[in-house]
């Protein structure tokens, strides 16, 4: 439990994993879809998650190179945990009379 909580307790880590749950994303997309995160912090978090094998960084041979980030199989194992946290957070916001944030990007509209 300690190792998982240490990972999820990092600033912006759950947000990054949540945004990648819908599929591979580029840096600019993640930066746009995670309000409040700075480019420096997002870059640091992506490097950390890659080093911990939670996500996979893919560089496409183009000019300029295109980099995409996607969850690894280990990263995908975190999704049920984060999904539960989001559901409880949504209920807490409703109980407080506030609106929940925008949902994650999904691969399939019916998902």
PDB file of N, CA and C in Angstrom:
ATOM      1  N   UNK A   1       0.831  -1.188   0.000  1.00  0.00           N
ATOM      2  CA  UNK A   1       0.000   0.000   0.000  1.00  0.00           C
ATOM      3  C   UNK A   1       0.875   1.252   0.000  1.00  0.00           C
ATOM      4  N   UNK A   2       1.947   1.212   0.749  1.00  0.00           N
ATOM      5  CA  UNK A   2       2.812   2.392   0.864  1.00  0.00           C
ATOM      6  C   UNK A   2       3.372   2.812  -0.499  1.00  0.00           C
ATOM      7  N   UNK A   3       3.827   1.842  -1.300  1.00  0.00           N
ATOM      8  CA  UNK A   3       4.413   2.161  -2.613  1.00  0.00           C
ATOM      9  C   UNK A   3       3.376   2.789  -3.539  1.00  0.00           C
ATOM     10  N   UNK A   4       2.173   2.257  -3.533  1.00  0.00           N
ATOM     11  CA  UNK A   4       1.111   2.789  -4.396  1.00  0.00           C
ATOM     12  C   UNK A   4       0.703   4.189  -3.948  1.00  0.00           C
ATOM     13  N   UNK A   5       0.547   4.383  -2.650  1.00  0.00           N
ATOM     14  CA  UNK A   5       0.149   5.698  -2.144  1.00  0.00           C
ATOM     15  C   UNK A   5       1.249   6.733  -2.359  1.00  0.00           C
ATOM     16  N   UNK A   6       2.509   6.318  -2.269  1.00  0.00           N
ATOM     17  CA  UNK A   6       3.613   7.242  -2.537  1.00  0.00           C
ATOM     18  C   UNK A   6       3.564   7.707  -3.985  1.00  0.00           C
ATOM     19  N   UNK A   7       3.240   6.801  -4.896  1.00  0.00           N
ATOM     20  CA  UNK A   7       3.129   7.162  -6.303  1.00  0.00           C
ATOM     21  C   UNK A   7       1.944   8.092  -6.525  1.00  0.00           C
ATOM     22  N   UNK A   8       0.772   7.715  -6.039  1.00  0.00           N
ATOM     23  CA  UNK A   8      -0.434   8.504  -6.267  1.00  0.00           C
ATOM     24  C   UNK A   8      -0.439   9.817  -5.495  1.00  0.00           C
ATOM     25  N   UNK A   9       0.376   9.895  -4.442  1.00  0.00           N
ATOM     26  CA  UNK A   9       0.434  11.113  -3.647  1.00  0.00           C
ATOM     27  C   UNK A   9       1.266  12.207  -4.282  1.00  0.00           C
ATOM     28  N   UNK A  10       1.984  11.902  -5.359  1.00  0.00           N
ATOM     29  CA  UNK A  10       2.786  12.913  -6.037  1.00  0.00           C
ATOM     30  C   UNK A  10       1.901  13.963  -6.686  1.00  0.00           C
ATOM     31  N   UNK A  11       2.362  15.205  -6.652  1.00  0.00           N
ATOM     32  CA  UNK A  11       1.587  16.298  -7.234  1.00  0.00           C
ATOM     33  C   UNK A  11       1.273  16.012  -8.697  1.00  0.00           C
ATOM     34  N   UNK A  12       0.016  16.084  -9.054  1.00  0.00           N
ATOM     35  CA  UNK A  12      -0.495  15.937 -10.410  1.00  0.00           C
ATOM     36  C   UNK A  12      -0.487  14.507 -10.946  1.00  0.00           C
ATOM     37  N   UNK A  13       0.084  13.558 -10.217  1.00  0.00           N
ATOM     38  CA  UNK A  13       0.176  12.191 -10.724  1.00  0.00           C
ATOM     39  C   UNK A  13      -1.197  11.584 -11.047  1.00  0.00           C
ATOM     40  N   UNK A  14      -2.170  11.636 -10.130  1.00  0.00           N
ATOM     41  CA  UNK A  14      -3.475  11.061 -10.477  1.00  0.00           C
ATOM     42  C   UNK A  14      -4.107  11.743 -11.694  1.00  0.00           C
ATOM     43  N   UNK A  15      -3.899  13.058 -11.826  1.00  0.00           N
ATOM     44  CA  UNK A  15      -4.457  13.777 -12.971  1.00  0.00           C
ATOM     45  C   UNK A  15      -3.859  13.282 -14.283  1.00  0.00           C
ATOM     46  N   UNK A  16      -2.542  13.078 -14.291  1.00  0.00           N
ATOM     47  CA  UNK A  16      -1.873  12.597 -15.497  1.00  0.00           C
ATOM     48  C   UNK A  16      -2.379  11.200 -15.863  1.00  0.00           C
ATOM     49  N   UNK A  17      -2.437  10.322 -14.884  1.00  0.00           N
ATOM     50  CA  UNK A  17      -2.911   8.954 -15.143  1.00  0.00           C
ATOM     51  C   UNK A  17      -4.354   8.982 -15.630  1.00  0.00           C
ATOM     52  N   UNK A  18      -5.181   9.804 -15.010  1.00  0.00           N
ATOM     53  CA  UNK A  18      -6.594   9.925 -15.400  1.00  0.00           C
ATOM     54  C   UNK A  18      -6.720  10.388 -16.847  1.00  0.00           C
ATOM     55  N   UNK A  19      -5.937  11.386 -17.232  1.00  0.00           N
ATOM     56  CA  UNK A  19      -6.012  11.889 -18.608  1.00  0.00           C
ATOM     57  C   UNK A  19      -5.509  10.859 -19.621  1.00  0.00           C
ATOM     58  N   UNK A  20      -4.546  10.058 -19.236  1.00  0.00           N
ATOM     59  CA  UNK A  20      -4.029   9.032 -20.141  1.00  0.00           C
ATOM     60  C   UNK A  20      -4.916   7.792 -20.203  1.00  0.00           C
ATOM     61  N   UNK A  21      -5.909   7.725 -19.336  1.00  0.00           N
ATOM     62  CA  UNK A  21      -6.782   6.554 -19.327  1.00  0.00           C
ATOM     63  C   UNK A  21      -7.597   6.430 -20.605  1.00  0.00           C
ATOM     64  N   UNK A  22      -7.759   7.516 -21.331  1.00  0.00           N
ATOM     65  CA  UNK A  22      -8.508   7.482 -22.578  1.00  0.00           C
ATOM     66  C   UNK A  22      -7.664   7.144 -23.792  1.00  0.00           C
ATOM     67  N   UNK A  23      -6.358   6.990 -23.585  1.00  0.00           N
ATOM     68  CA  UNK A  23      -5.474   6.671 -24.704  1.00  0.00           C
ATOM     69  C   UNK A  23      -4.263   7.579 -24.711  1.00  0.00           C
ATOM     70  N   UNK A  24      -3.391   7.343 -25.681  1.00  0.00           N
ATOM     71  CA  UNK A  24      -2.141   8.097 -25.782  1.00  0.00           C
ATOM     72  C   UNK A  24      -2.435   9.579 -26.023  1.00  0.00           C
ATOM     73  N   UNK A  25      -1.587  10.421 -25.419  1.00  0.00           N
ATOM     74  CA  UNK A  25      -1.742  11.880 -25.548  1.00  0.00           C
ATOM     75  C   UNK A  25      -0.382  12.526 -25.733  1.00  0.00           C
ATOM     76  N   UNK A  26      -0.386  13.671 -26.393  1.00  0.00           N
ATOM     77  CA  UNK A  26       0.833  14.466 -26.526  1.00  0.00           C
ATOM     78  C   UNK A  26       0.940  15.431 -25.349  1.00  0.00           C
ATOM     79  N   UNK A  27       2.152  15.941 -25.133  1.00  0.00           N
ATOM     80  CA  UNK A  27       2.424  16.836 -24.015  1.00  0.00           C
ATOM     81  C   UNK A  27       1.466  18.026 -24.011  1.00  0.00           C
ATOM     82  N   UNK A  28       1.314  18.674 -25.154  1.00  0.00           N
ATOM     83  CA  UNK A  28       0.447  19.851 -25.246  1.00  0.00           C
ATOM     84  C   UNK A  28      -1.001  19.548 -24.893  1.00  0.00           C
ATOM     85  N   UNK A  29      -1.471  18.374 -25.279  1.00  0.00           N
ATOM     86  CA  UNK A  29      -2.840  17.978 -24.942  1.00  0.00           C
ATOM     87  C   UNK A  29      -2.994  17.823 -23.436  1.00  0.00           C
ATOM     88  N   UNK A  30      -2.008  17.164 -22.823  1.00  0.00           N
ATOM     89  CA  UNK A  30      -2.062  16.979 -21.371  1.00  0.00           C
ATOM     90  C   UNK A  30      -1.999  18.324 -20.653  1.00  0.00           C
ATOM     91  N   UNK A  31      -1.134  19.199 -21.117  1.00  0.00           N
ATOM     92  CA  UNK A  31      -0.986  20.514 -20.501  1.00  0.00           C
ATOM     93  C   UNK A  31      -2.295  21.293 -20.566  1.00  0.00           C
ATOM     94  N   UNK A  32      -2.967  21.199 -21.690  1.00  0.00           N
ATOM     95  CA  UNK A  32      -4.250  21.898 -21.883  1.00  0.00           C
ATOM     96  C   UNK A  32      -5.349  21.304 -20.999  1.00  0.00           C
ATOM     97  N   UNK A  33      -5.349  19.976 -20.853  1.00  0.00           N
ATOM     98  CA  UNK A  33      -6.441  19.300 -20.157  1.00  0.00           C
ATOM     99  C   UNK A  33      -6.240  19.138 -18.655  1.00  0.00           C
ATOM    100  N   UNK A  34      -5.099  19.578 -18.135  1.00  0.00           N
ATOM    101  CA  UNK A  34      -4.876  19.532 -16.684  1.00  0.00           C
ATOM    102  C   UNK A  34      -4.698  20.973 -16.217  1.00  0.00           C
ATOM    103  N   UNK A  35      -5.791  21.651 -15.900  1.00  0.00           N
ATOM    104  CA  UNK A  35      -5.710  23.054 -15.505  1.00  0.00           C
ATOM    105  C   UNK A  35      -4.836  23.242 -14.260  1.00  0.00           C
ATOM    106  N   UNK A  36      -3.971  24.251 -14.329  1.00  0.00           N
ATOM    107  CA  UNK A  36      -3.157  24.599 -13.175  1.00  0.00           C
ATOM    108  C   UNK A  36      -1.765  24.000 -13.163  1.00  0.00           C
ATOM    109  N   UNK A  37      -1.517  22.970 -13.959  1.00  0.00           N
ATOM    110  CA  UNK A  37      -0.190  22.357 -13.968  1.00  0.00           C
ATOM    111  C   UNK A  37       0.728  23.196 -14.870  1.00  0.00           C
ATOM    112  N   UNK A  38       1.946  23.408 -14.419  1.00  0.00           N
ATOM    113  CA  UNK A  38       2.920  24.150 -15.226  1.00  0.00           C
ATOM    114  C   UNK A  38       3.624  23.175 -16.172  1.00  0.00           C
ATOM    115  N   UNK A  39       4.165  23.674 -17.276  1.00  0.00           N
ATOM    116  CA  UNK A  39       4.909  22.795 -18.183  1.00  0.00           C
ATOM    117  C   UNK A  39       6.072  22.092 -17.467  1.00  0.00           C
ATOM    118  N   UNK A  40       6.764  22.804 -16.595  1.00  0.00           N
ATOM    119  CA  UNK A  40       7.893  22.215 -15.874  1.00  0.00           C
ATOM    120  C   UNK A  40       7.431  21.060 -14.978  1.00  0.00           C
ATOM    121  N   UNK A  41       6.340  21.263 -14.253  1.00  0.00           N
ATOM    122  CA  UNK A  41       5.822  20.225 -13.364  1.00  0.00           C
ATOM    123  C   UNK A  41       5.309  19.030 -14.157  1.00  0.00           C
ATOM    124  N   UNK A  42       4.591  19.287 -15.253  1.00  0.00           N
ATOM    125  CA  UNK A  42       4.076  18.188 -16.073  1.00  0.00           C
ATOM    126  C   UNK A  42       5.233  17.369 -16.646  1.00  0.00           C
ATOM    127  N   UNK A  43       6.250  18.050 -17.137  1.00  0.00           N
ATOM    128  CA  UNK A  43       7.410  17.354 -17.680  1.00  0.00           C
ATOM    129  C   UNK A  43       8.074  16.482 -16.613  1.00  0.00           C
ATOM    130  N   UNK A  44       8.241  17.030 -15.415  1.00  0.00           N
ATOM    131  CA  UNK A  44       8.855  16.270 -14.318  1.00  0.00           C
ATOM    132  C   UNK A  44       8.013  15.052 -13.964  1.00  0.00           C
ATOM    133  N   UNK A  45       6.683  15.238 -13.915  1.00  0.00           N
ATOM    134  CA  UNK A  45       5.803  14.134 -13.549  1.00  0.00           C
ATOM    135  C   UNK A  45       5.839  13.049 -14.620  1.00  0.00           C
ATOM    136  N   UNK A  46       5.832  13.439 -15.896  1.00  0.00           N
ATOM    137  CA  UNK A  46       5.883  12.453 -16.979  1.00  0.00           C
ATOM    138  C   UNK A  46       7.187  11.660 -16.932  1.00  0.00           C
ATOM    139  N   UNK A  47       8.301  12.331 -16.693  1.00  0.00           N
ATOM    140  CA  UNK A  47       9.585  11.634 -16.589  1.00  0.00           C
ATOM    141  C   UNK A  47       9.593  10.668 -15.406  1.00  0.00           C
ATOM    142  N   UNK A  48       9.032  11.100 -14.286  1.00  0.00           N
ATOM    143  CA  UNK A  48       8.972  10.235 -13.100  1.00  0.00           C
ATOM    144  C   UNK A  48       8.119   8.998 -13.360  1.00  0.00           C
ATOM    145  N   UNK A  49       6.962   9.193 -13.982  1.00  0.00           N
ATOM    146  CA  UNK A  49       6.071   8.065 -14.256  1.00  0.00           C
ATOM    147  C   UNK A  49       6.666   7.117 -15.288  1.00  0.00           C
ATOM    148  N   UNK A  50       7.426   7.652 -16.223  1.00  0.00           N
ATOM    149  CA  UNK A  50       8.115   6.792 -17.188  1.00  0.00           C
ATOM    150  C   UNK A  50       9.200   5.975 -16.472  1.00  0.00           C
ATOM    151  N   UNK A  51       9.938   6.612 -15.593  1.00  0.00           N
ATOM    152  CA  UNK A  51      10.998   5.910 -14.852  1.00  0.00           C
ATOM    153  C   UNK A  51      10.426   4.813 -13.965  1.00  0.00           C
ATOM    154  N   UNK A  52       9.215   5.021 -13.447  1.00  0.00           N
ATOM    155  CA  UNK A  52       8.574   4.015 -12.596  1.00  0.00           C
ATOM    156  C   UNK A  52       7.772   3.006 -13.406  1.00  0.00           C
ATOM    157  N   UNK A  53       7.862   3.107 -14.729  1.00  0.00           N
ATOM    158  CA  UNK A  53       7.222   2.188 -15.656  1.00  0.00           C
ATOM    159  C   UNK A  53       5.684   2.215 -15.596  1.00  0.00           C
ATOM    160  N   UNK A  54       5.151   3.372 -15.234  1.00  0.00           N
ATOM    161  CA  UNK A  54       3.700   3.556 -15.196  1.00  0.00           C
ATOM    162  C   UNK A  54       3.198   4.019 -16.560  1.00  0.00           C
ATOM    163  N   UNK A  55       4.050   4.703 -17.295  1.00  0.00           N
ATOM    164  CA  UNK A  55       3.666   5.117 -18.638  1.00  0.00           C
ATOM    165  C   UNK A  55       4.792   4.829 -19.619  1.00  0.00           C
ATOM    166  N   UNK A  56       4.416   4.857 -20.889  1.00  0.00           N
ATOM    167  CA  UNK A  56       5.340   4.592 -21.985  1.00  0.00           C
ATOM    168  C   UNK A  56       5.422   5.850 -22.843  1.00  0.00           C
ATOM    169  N   UNK A  57       6.636   6.281 -23.107  1.00  0.00           N
ATOM    170  CA  UNK A  57       6.893   7.450 -23.949  1.00  0.00           C
ATOM    171  C   UNK A  57       7.309   6.953 -25.317  1.00  0.00           C
ATOM    172  N   UNK A  58       6.599   7.376 -26.363  1.00  0.00           N
ATOM    173  CA  UNK A  58       6.884   6.949 -27.724  1.00  0.00           C
ATOM    174  C   UNK A  58       7.207   8.168 -28.575  1.00  0.00           C
ATOM    175  N   UNK A  59       8.351   8.123 -29.240  1.00  0.00           N
ATOM    176  CA  UNK A  59       8.760   9.208 -30.132  1.00  0.00           C
ATOM    177  C   UNK A  59       8.534   8.752 -31.562  1.00  0.00           C
ATOM    178  N   UNK A  60       7.679   9.471 -32.281  1.00  0.00           N
ATOM    179  CA  UNK A  60       7.403   9.145 -33.681  1.00  0.00           C
ATOM    180  C   UNK A  60       8.431   9.852 -34.555  1.00  0.00           C
ATOM    181  N   UNK A  61       8.990   9.147 -35.525  1.00  0.00           N
ATOM    182  CA  UNK A  61       9.990   9.768 -36.405  1.00  0.00           C
ATOM    183  C   UNK A  61       9.328  10.752 -37.366  1.00  0.00           C
ATOM    184  N   UNK A  62       9.344  11.991 -36.985  1.00  0.00           N
ATOM    185  CA  UNK A  62       8.774  13.055 -37.806  1.00  0.00           C
ATOM    186  C   UNK A  62       9.654  14.284 -37.630  1.00  0.00           C
ATOM    187  N   UNK A  63       9.374  15.305 -38.373  1.00  0.00           N
ATOM    188  CA  UNK A  63      10.121  16.546 -38.232  1.00  0.00           C
ATOM    189  C   UNK A  63       9.140  17.680 -37.975  1.00  0.00           C
ATOM    190  N   UNK A  64       9.076  18.220 -36.791  1.00  0.00           N
ATOM    191  CA  UNK A  64       9.812  17.852 -35.585  1.00  0.00           C
ATOM    192  C   UNK A  64       9.256  16.549 -34.995  1.00  0.00           C
ATOM    193  N   UNK A  65      10.049  15.872 -34.166  1.00  0.00           N
ATOM    194  CA  UNK A  65       9.588  14.610 -33.580  1.00  0.00           C
ATOM    195  C   UNK A  65       8.299  14.796 -32.775  1.00  0.00           C
ATOM    196  N   UNK A  66       7.441  13.829 -32.863  1.00  0.00           N
ATOM    197  CA  UNK A  66       6.180  13.846 -32.115  1.00  0.00           C
ATOM    198  C   UNK A  66       6.286  12.827 -30.982  1.00  0.00           C
ATOM    199  N   UNK A  67       6.015  13.279 -29.770  1.00  0.00           N
ATOM    200  CA  UNK A  67       6.115  12.414 -28.600  1.00  0.00           C
ATOM    201  C   UNK A  67       4.726  12.183 -28.038  1.00  0.00           C
ATOM    202  N   UNK A  68       4.420  10.925 -27.767  1.00  0.00           N
ATOM    203  CA  UNK A  68       3.145  10.581 -27.139  1.00  0.00           C
ATOM    204  C   UNK A  68       3.415   9.793 -25.875  1.00  0.00           C
ATOM    205  N   UNK A  69       2.506   9.954 -24.922  1.00  0.00           N
ATOM    206  CA  UNK A  69       2.569   9.228 -23.659  1.00  0.00           C
ATOM    207  C   UNK A  69       1.326   8.362 -23.547  1.00  0.00           C
ATOM    208  N   UNK A  70       1.518   7.134 -23.081  1.00  0.00           N
ATOM    209  CA  UNK A  70       0.406   6.205 -22.882  1.00  0.00           C
ATOM    210  C   UNK A  70       0.666   5.408 -21.616  1.00  0.00           C
ATOM    211  N   UNK A  71      -0.393   4.910 -21.021  1.00  0.00           N
ATOM    212  CA  UNK A  71      -0.234   4.084 -19.836  1.00  0.00           C
ATOM    213  C   UNK A  71       0.367   2.731 -20.212  1.00  0.00           C
ATOM    214  N   UNK A  72       1.241   2.256 -19.377  1.00  0.00           N
ATOM    215  CA  UNK A  72       1.783   0.910 -19.520  1.00  0.00           C
ATOM    216  C   UNK A  72       0.777  -0.058 -18.903  1.00  0.00           C
ATOM    217  N   UNK A  73       0.971  -1.357 -19.047  1.00  0.00           N
ATOM    218  CA  UNK A  73       0.075  -2.294 -18.354  1.00  0.00           C
ATOM    219  C   UNK A  73       0.044  -2.045 -16.845  1.00  0.00           C
ATOM    220  N   UNK A  74       1.176  -1.701 -16.248  1.00  0.00           N
ATOM    221  CA  UNK A  74       1.196  -1.375 -14.820  1.00  0.00           C
ATOM    222  C   UNK A  74       0.364  -0.131 -14.537  1.00  0.00           C
ATOM    223  N   UNK A  75       0.488   0.880 -15.385  1.00  0.00           N
ATOM    224  CA  UNK A  75      -0.302   2.101 -15.222  1.00  0.00           C
ATOM    225  C   UNK A  75      -1.788   1.835 -15.343  1.00  0.00           C
ATOM    226  N   UNK A  76      -2.161   0.950 -16.257  1.00  0.00           N
ATOM    227  CA  UNK A  76      -3.580   0.620 -16.427  1.00  0.00           C
ATOM    228  C   UNK A  76      -4.151  -0.073 -15.193  1.00  0.00           C
ATOM    229  N   UNK A  77      -3.300  -0.752 -14.429  1.00  0.00           N
ATOM    230  CA  UNK A  77      -3.765  -1.393 -13.195  1.00  0.00           C
ATOM    231  C   UNK A  77      -4.180  -0.359 -12.152  1.00  0.00           C
ATOM    232  N   UNK A  78      -3.715   0.863 -12.283  1.00  0.00           N
ATOM    233  CA  UNK A  78      -4.083   1.925 -11.342  1.00  0.00           C
ATOM    234  C   UNK A  78      -5.465   2.524 -11.635  1.00  0.00           C
ATOM    235  N   UNK A  79      -5.990   2.287 -12.821  1.00  0.00           N
ATOM    236  CA  UNK A  79      -7.238   2.938 -13.224  1.00  0.00           C
ATOM    237  C   UNK A  79      -8.439   2.621 -12.328  1.00  0.00           C
ATOM    238  N   UNK A  80      -8.657   1.368 -11.902  1.00  0.00           N
ATOM    239  CA  UNK A  80      -9.797   1.128 -11.013  1.00  0.00           C
ATOM    240  C   UNK A  80      -9.688   1.917  -9.702  1.00  0.00           C
ATOM    241  N   UNK A  81      -8.479   2.073  -9.198  1.00  0.00           N
ATOM    242  CA  UNK A  81      -8.272   2.830  -7.962  1.00  0.00           C
ATOM    243  C   UNK A  81      -8.624   4.297  -8.186  1.00  0.00           C
ATOM    244  N   UNK A  82      -8.102   4.867  -9.261  1.00  0.00           N
ATOM    245  CA  UNK A  82      -8.359   6.274  -9.542  1.00  0.00           C
ATOM    246  C   UNK A  82      -9.817   6.487  -9.902  1.00  0.00           C
ATOM    247  N   UNK A  83     -10.420   5.552 -10.615  1.00  0.00           N
ATOM    248  CA  UNK A  83     -11.844   5.658 -10.943  1.00  0.00           C
ATOM    249  C   UNK A  83     -12.684   5.699  -9.672  1.00  0.00           C
ATOM    250  N   UNK A  84     -12.350   4.892  -8.699  1.00  0.00           N
ATOM    251  CA  UNK A  84     -13.072   4.898  -7.422  1.00  0.00           C
ATOM    252  C   UNK A  84     -12.880   6.232  -6.709  1.00  0.00           C
ATOM    253  N   UNK A  85     -11.669   6.759  -6.720  1.00  0.00           N
ATOM    254  CA  UNK A  85     -11.403   8.055  -6.093  1.00  0.00           C
ATOM    255  C   UNK A  85     -12.240   9.148  -6.763  1.00  0.00           C
ATOM    256  N   UNK A  86     -12.323   9.116  -8.097  1.00  0.00           N
ATOM    257  CA  UNK A  86     -13.114  10.105  -8.831  1.00  0.00           C
ATOM    258  C   UNK A  86     -14.591   9.995  -8.461  1.00  0.00           C
ATOM    259  N   UNK A  87     -15.113   8.770  -8.378  1.00  0.00           N
ATOM    260  CA  UNK A  87     -16.524   8.582  -8.029  1.00  0.00           C
ATOM    261  C   UNK A  87     -16.830   9.105  -6.630  1.00  0.00           C
ATOM    262  N   UNK A  88     -15.958   8.808  -5.676  1.00  0.00           N
ATOM    263  CA  UNK A  88     -16.173   9.298  -4.310  1.00  0.00           C
ATOM    264  C   UNK A  88     -16.048  10.822  -4.291  1.00  0.00           C
ATOM    265  N   UNK A  89     -15.071  11.363  -5.000  1.00  0.00           N
ATOM    266  CA  UNK A  89     -14.910  12.815  -5.070  1.00  0.00           C
ATOM    267  C   UNK A  89     -16.129  13.495  -5.666  1.00  0.00           C
ATOM    268  N   UNK A  90     -16.707  12.887  -6.702  1.00  0.00           N
ATOM    269  CA  UNK A  90     -17.918  13.436  -7.314  1.00  0.00           C
ATOM    270  C   UNK A  90     -19.072  13.448  -6.320  1.00  0.00           C
ATOM    271  N   UNK A  91     -19.209  12.363  -5.569  1.00  0.00           N
ATOM    272  CA  UNK A  91     -20.268  12.324  -4.547  1.00  0.00           C
ATOM    273  C   UNK A  91     -20.028  13.371  -3.462  1.00  0.00           C
ATOM    274  N   UNK A  92     -18.788  13.568  -3.088  1.00  0.00           N
ATOM    275  CA  UNK A  92     -18.471  14.599  -2.085  1.00  0.00           C
ATOM    276  C   UNK A  92     -18.819  15.988  -2.602  1.00  0.00           C
ATOM    277  N   UNK A  93     -18.509  16.251  -3.872  1.00  0.00           N
ATOM    278  CA  UNK A  93     -18.849  17.549  -4.454  1.00  0.00           C
ATOM    279  C   UNK A  93     -20.354  17.749  -4.513  1.00  0.00           C
ATOM    280  N   UNK A  94     -21.082  16.719  -4.925  1.00  0.00           N
ATOM    281  CA  UNK A  94     -22.548  16.819  -4.963  1.00  0.00           C
ATOM    282  C   UNK A  94     -23.110  17.076  -3.574  1.00  0.00           C
ATOM    283  N   UNK A  95     -22.578  16.399  -2.588  1.00  0.00           N
ATOM    284  CA  UNK A  95     -23.040  16.585  -1.209  1.00  0.00           C
ATOM    285  C   UNK A  95     -22.774  18.012  -0.733  1.00  0.00           C
ATOM    286  N   UNK A  96     -21.710  18.626  -1.233  1.00  0.00           N
ATOM    287  CA  UNK A  96     -21.372  19.999  -0.855  1.00  0.00           C
ATOM    288  C   UNK A  96     -22.060  21.020  -1.763  1.00  0.00           C
ATOM    289  N   UNK A  97     -22.833  20.532  -2.754  1.00  0.00           N
ATOM    290  CA  UNK A  97     -23.547  21.420  -3.654  1.00  0.00           C
ATOM    291  C   UNK A  97     -22.682  22.012  -4.752  1.00  0.00           C
ATOM    292  N   UNK A  98     -21.575  21.353  -5.078  1.00  0.00           N
ATOM    293  CA  UNK A  98     -20.685  21.834  -6.134  1.00  0.00           C
ATOM    294  C   UNK A  98     -20.724  20.889  -7.313  1.00  0.00           C
ATOM    295  N   UNK A  99     -20.333  21.424  -8.486  1.00  0.00           N
ATOM    296  CA  UNK A  99     -20.313  20.610  -9.708  1.00  0.00           C
ATOM    297  C   UNK A  99     -18.970  19.915  -9.864  1.00  0.00           C
ATOM    298  N   UNK A 100     -18.973  18.653 -10.322  1.00  0.00           N
ATOM    299  CA  UNK A 100     -17.709  17.944 -10.563  1.00  0.00           C
ATOM    300  C   UNK A 100     -16.990  18.512 -11.773  1.00  0.00           C
ATOM    301  N   UNK A 101     -15.665  18.233 -11.848  1.00  0.00           N
ATOM    302  CA  UNK A 101     -14.852  18.658 -12.991  1.00  0.00           C
ATOM    303  C   UNK A 101     -15.200  17.856 -14.215  1.00  0.00           C
ATOM    304  N   UNK A 102     -14.645  18.292 -15.340  1.00  0.00           N
ATOM    305  CA  UNK A 102     -14.842  17.609 -16.614  1.00  0.00           C
ATOM    306  C   UNK A 102     -14.312  16.183 -16.535  1.00  0.00           C
ATOM    307  N   UNK A 103     -15.009  15.259 -17.181  1.00  0.00           N
ATOM    308  CA  UNK A 103     -14.597  13.854 -17.162  1.00  0.00           C
ATOM    309  C   UNK A 103     -13.415  13.618 -18.072  1.00  0.00           C
ATOM    310  N   UNK A 104     -12.775  12.453 -17.872  1.00  0.00           N
ATOM    311  CA  UNK A 104     -11.629  12.064 -18.689  1.00  0.00           C
ATOM    312  C   UNK A 104     -12.045  11.823 -20.133  1.00  0.00           C
ATOM    313  N   UNK A 105     -11.079  11.882 -20.984  1.00  0.00           N
ATOM    314  CA  UNK A 105     -11.273  11.563 -22.386  1.00  0.00           C
ATOM    315  C   UNK A 105     -11.383  10.053 -22.509  1.00  0.00           C
ATOM    316  N   UNK A 106     -12.376   9.561 -23.235  1.00  0.00           N
ATOM    317  CA  UNK A 106     -12.554   8.117 -23.363  1.00  0.00           C
ATOM    318  C   UNK A 106     -12.284   7.668 -24.791  1.00  0.00           C
ATOM    319  N   UNK A 107     -11.944   6.401 -24.921  1.00  0.00           N
ATOM    320  CA  UNK A 107     -11.672   5.834 -26.246  1.00  0.00           C
ATOM    321  C   UNK A 107     -12.972   5.617 -27.013  1.00  0.00           C
ATOM    322  N   UNK A 108     -14.007   5.254 -26.300  1.00  0.00           N
ATOM    323  CA  UNK A 108     -15.278   4.955 -26.937  1.00  0.00           C
ATOM    324  C   UNK A 108     -16.357   5.828 -26.304  1.00  0.00           C
ATOM    325  N   UNK A 109     -17.195   6.477 -27.119  1.00  0.00           N
ATOM    326  CA  UNK A 109     -18.235   7.340 -26.571  1.00  0.00           C
ATOM    327  C   UNK A 109     -19.149   6.633 -25.573  1.00  0.00           C
ATOM    328  N   UNK A 110     -19.351   5.344 -25.756  1.00  0.00           N
ATOM    329  CA  UNK A 110     -20.248   4.619 -24.854  1.00  0.00           C
ATOM    330  C   UNK A 110     -19.579   4.231 -23.554  1.00  0.00           C
ATOM    331  N   UNK A 111     -18.265   4.428 -23.428  1.00  0.00           N
ATOM    332  CA  UNK A 111     -17.534   4.027 -22.225  1.00  0.00           C
ATOM    333  C   UNK A 111     -17.786   4.972 -21.068  1.00  0.00           C
TER     334      UNK A 111
END
